[in-house]
Amino acid sequence: MRKLIFLFTIAATAVGITGCTGPQQKLSRGFSNTCEVIRWGDMRREVEQNTVFSAPDVNYSYGVVHGFCKSMSRIGIGIYEMVTFPIPSYDPVCTNCVAINPQYPDSYQPGLISGSTFDTDTYTGFSGGAVAPFLPGCRFQIFDY
C-alpha cells in the first residue's frame, strides 16, 4: 500500500510540474489547421501572391491549384495532430511545406469582431471594425484609416 501511495504521489507531482501544455497546444493547432476547410486562407494567399508577383505567362489557375494543395496538406496535418495529440513530440510537423500559423492574404489580416465588448466608443454609438468578419474574404472596414 505504501508503494502505491508513493508511486501515485510521484505521478501526481510529475503531472503537476509538467502540466498539459504540450498536448493542449498540439490539439489546438490541429483544430486550427483543420478549420482551413472553412477559411481557405492558404488558397486565397497563393492566388494573390501568384497574381501579383508571378510572370505574365503564369495564369490564374496555377495559384488556385497550388493553394488548394497547400490547404489540403494543412487539413491533413491538422487531422494528424488531432489524432496524435496525447503522444509526445508536441512540435509542429511538416513546417518545411506549410507554415505553423494559419495564413491569410497580405491584403487582409483578421481582427476582432466589432461589438460592444471590444470597441471603446460604445457611449457615443460609434464603433469600428470589420462589417462581416465571419464571412470569408470580407475586407470592408468601418472607421479604419
Protein backbone atom coordinates (compact mmCIF):
# COMPACT_ATOMS: atom_id res chain seq x y z
CA MET A 1 0.00 0.00 0.00
CA ARG A 2 2.83 2.39 0.83
CA LYS A 3 4.42 1.70 -2.55
CA LEU A 4 1.16 2.58 -4.36
CA ILE A 5 0.79 5.82 -2.43
CA PHE A 6 4.42 6.68 -3.14
CA LEU A 7 4.01 5.94 -6.89
CA PHE A 8 0.77 7.92 -7.03
CA THR A 9 2.46 10.87 -5.31
CA ILE A 10 5.35 10.79 -7.77
CA ALA A 11 2.95 10.59 -10.73
CA ALA A 12 0.79 13.45 -9.42
CA THR A 13 3.88 15.57 -8.83
CA ALA A 14 5.17 14.87 -12.34
CA VAL A 15 1.83 15.83 -13.90
CA GLY A 16 1.62 18.94 -11.73
CA ILE A 17 5.11 20.08 -12.68
CA THR A 18 4.92 19.35 -16.41
CA GLY A 19 1.26 20.20 -16.98
CA CYS A 20 -0.65 19.56 -20.15
CA THR A 21 0.77 22.41 -22.22
CA GLY A 22 2.23 20.24 -24.97
CA PRO A 23 -0.91 18.18 -25.71
CA GLN A 24 -3.13 21.27 -25.46
CA GLN A 25 -1.01 23.19 -27.94
CA LYS A 26 -0.90 20.23 -30.32
CA LEU A 27 -4.67 19.72 -30.14
CA SER A 28 -5.46 23.42 -30.61
CA ARG A 29 -3.01 23.63 -33.53
CA GLY A 30 -4.77 20.60 -35.03
CA PHE A 31 -8.20 22.24 -34.68
CA SER A 32 -6.89 25.46 -36.22
CA ASN A 33 -5.35 23.63 -39.16
CA THR A 34 -8.45 21.50 -39.71
CA CYS A 35 -10.61 24.65 -39.90
CA GLU A 36 -8.73 25.52 -43.10
CA VAL A 37 -11.63 23.87 -44.92
CA ILE A 38 -13.78 26.83 -43.77
CA ARG A 39 -11.20 29.61 -44.19
CA TRP A 40 -9.27 28.64 -47.34
CA GLY A 41 -6.65 31.17 -46.27
CA ASP A 42 -3.73 29.37 -47.89
CA MET A 43 -5.56 29.15 -51.20
CA ARG A 44 -6.51 32.84 -51.16
CA ARG A 45 -2.93 33.77 -50.25
CA GLU A 46 -1.41 31.70 -53.06
CA VAL A 47 -3.83 33.13 -55.62
CA GLU A 48 -2.95 36.66 -54.50
CA GLN A 49 0.80 36.01 -54.41
CA ASN A 50 0.85 34.37 -57.85
CA THR A 51 -1.31 37.10 -59.34
CA VAL A 52 0.82 39.93 -58.00
CA PHE A 53 4.34 38.52 -58.15
CA SER A 54 4.35 35.96 -60.98
CA ALA A 55 5.34 36.41 -64.58
CA PRO A 56 2.63 37.35 -67.08
CA ASP A 57 2.75 33.92 -68.70
CA VAL A 58 1.71 32.16 -65.45
CA ASN A 59 -2.05 32.05 -65.36
CA TYR A 60 -4.56 32.29 -62.52
CA SER A 61 -5.15 28.53 -62.30
CA TYR A 62 -1.60 27.87 -61.05
CA GLY A 63 -2.35 29.86 -57.87
CA VAL A 64 -5.64 28.04 -57.38
CA VAL A 65 -4.09 24.59 -57.77
CA HIS A 66 -1.04 25.38 -55.63
CA GLY A 67 -3.21 26.99 -52.93
CA PHE A 68 -5.64 24.07 -52.95
CA CYS A 69 -2.75 21.64 -52.43
CA LYS A 70 -1.39 23.70 -49.53
CA SER A 71 -4.85 23.91 -47.95
CA MET A 72 -5.36 20.16 -48.27
CA SER A 73 -1.96 19.47 -46.71
CA ARG A 74 -2.80 21.84 -43.83
CA ILE A 75 -6.08 19.97 -43.26
CA GLY A 76 -4.26 16.62 -43.31
CA ILE A 77 -1.65 17.87 -40.83
CA GLY A 78 -4.46 19.17 -38.60
CA ILE A 79 -6.23 15.81 -38.58
CA TYR A 80 -2.93 14.06 -37.83
CA GLU A 81 -2.24 16.42 -34.89
CA MET A 82 -5.76 15.99 -33.50
CA VAL A 83 -5.47 12.18 -33.61
CA THR A 84 -1.96 12.04 -32.12
CA PHE A 85 -2.20 14.87 -29.55
CA PRO A 86 -1.66 12.64 -26.48
CA ILE A 87 1.50 11.11 -27.98
CA PRO A 88 4.74 13.00 -27.22
CA SER A 89 6.67 15.04 -29.77
CA TYR A 90 4.49 18.10 -29.46
CA ASP A 91 6.45 20.14 -32.01
CA PRO A 92 4.73 21.19 -35.25
CA VAL A 93 5.13 18.76 -38.13
CA CYS A 94 5.87 19.44 -41.82
CA THR A 95 6.99 23.03 -41.25
CA ASN A 96 9.01 22.95 -44.46
CA CYS A 97 5.89 22.82 -46.66
CA VAL A 98 3.23 24.50 -44.51
CA ALA A 99 3.64 27.45 -42.12
CA ILE A 100 2.88 26.83 -38.44
CA ASN A 101 0.24 29.55 -38.08
CA PRO A 102 -2.74 29.93 -40.43
CA GLN A 103 -2.00 32.06 -43.49
CA TYR A 104 -4.09 34.90 -44.88
CA PRO A 105 -3.62 37.04 -47.98
CA ASP A 106 -1.42 40.08 -47.44
CA SER A 107 -4.35 42.35 -48.32
CA TYR A 108 -6.41 41.04 -45.37
CA GLN A 109 -5.41 40.41 -41.78
CA PRO A 110 -8.22 39.28 -39.45
CA GLY A 111 -9.10 41.41 -36.47
CA LEU A 112 -11.53 41.41 -33.59
CA ILE A 113 -15.24 41.20 -34.25
CA SER A 114 -16.88 44.61 -34.00
CA GLY A 115 -19.11 44.75 -30.95
CA SER A 116 -19.62 46.44 -27.61
CA THR A 117 -17.19 44.05 -25.92
CA PHE A 118 -14.13 45.01 -27.95
CA ASP A 119 -14.89 48.59 -29.06
CA THR A 120 -14.14 51.67 -27.00
CA ASP A 121 -16.69 54.18 -28.34
CA THR A 122 -19.85 52.48 -27.13
CA TYR A 123 -21.13 55.54 -25.25
CA THR A 124 -21.28 57.70 -28.40
CA GLY A 125 -22.79 54.98 -30.55
CA PHE A 126 -19.88 54.81 -33.00
CA SER A 127 -17.70 51.79 -33.33
CA GLY A 128 -15.34 50.42 -35.94
CA GLY A 129 -14.11 47.10 -37.16
CA ALA A 130 -14.96 44.62 -39.84
CA VAL A 131 -18.51 44.74 -41.14
CA ALA A 132 -18.89 40.99 -41.58
CA PRO A 133 -15.75 39.31 -40.21
CA PHE A 134 -17.42 35.92 -40.13
CA LEU A 135 -17.64 35.87 -43.96
CA PRO A 136 -14.51 34.62 -45.74
CA GLY A 137 -12.89 37.37 -47.78
CA CYS A 138 -14.76 40.29 -46.21
CA ARG A 139 -12.33 43.18 -46.26
CA PHE A 140 -14.66 46.15 -45.69
CA GLN A 141 -13.75 48.05 -42.51
CA ILE A 142 -15.57 50.93 -40.84
CA PHE A 143 -13.53 53.82 -39.37
CA ASP A 144 -10.24 52.14 -40.24
CA TYR A 145 -7.83 54.75 -41.59
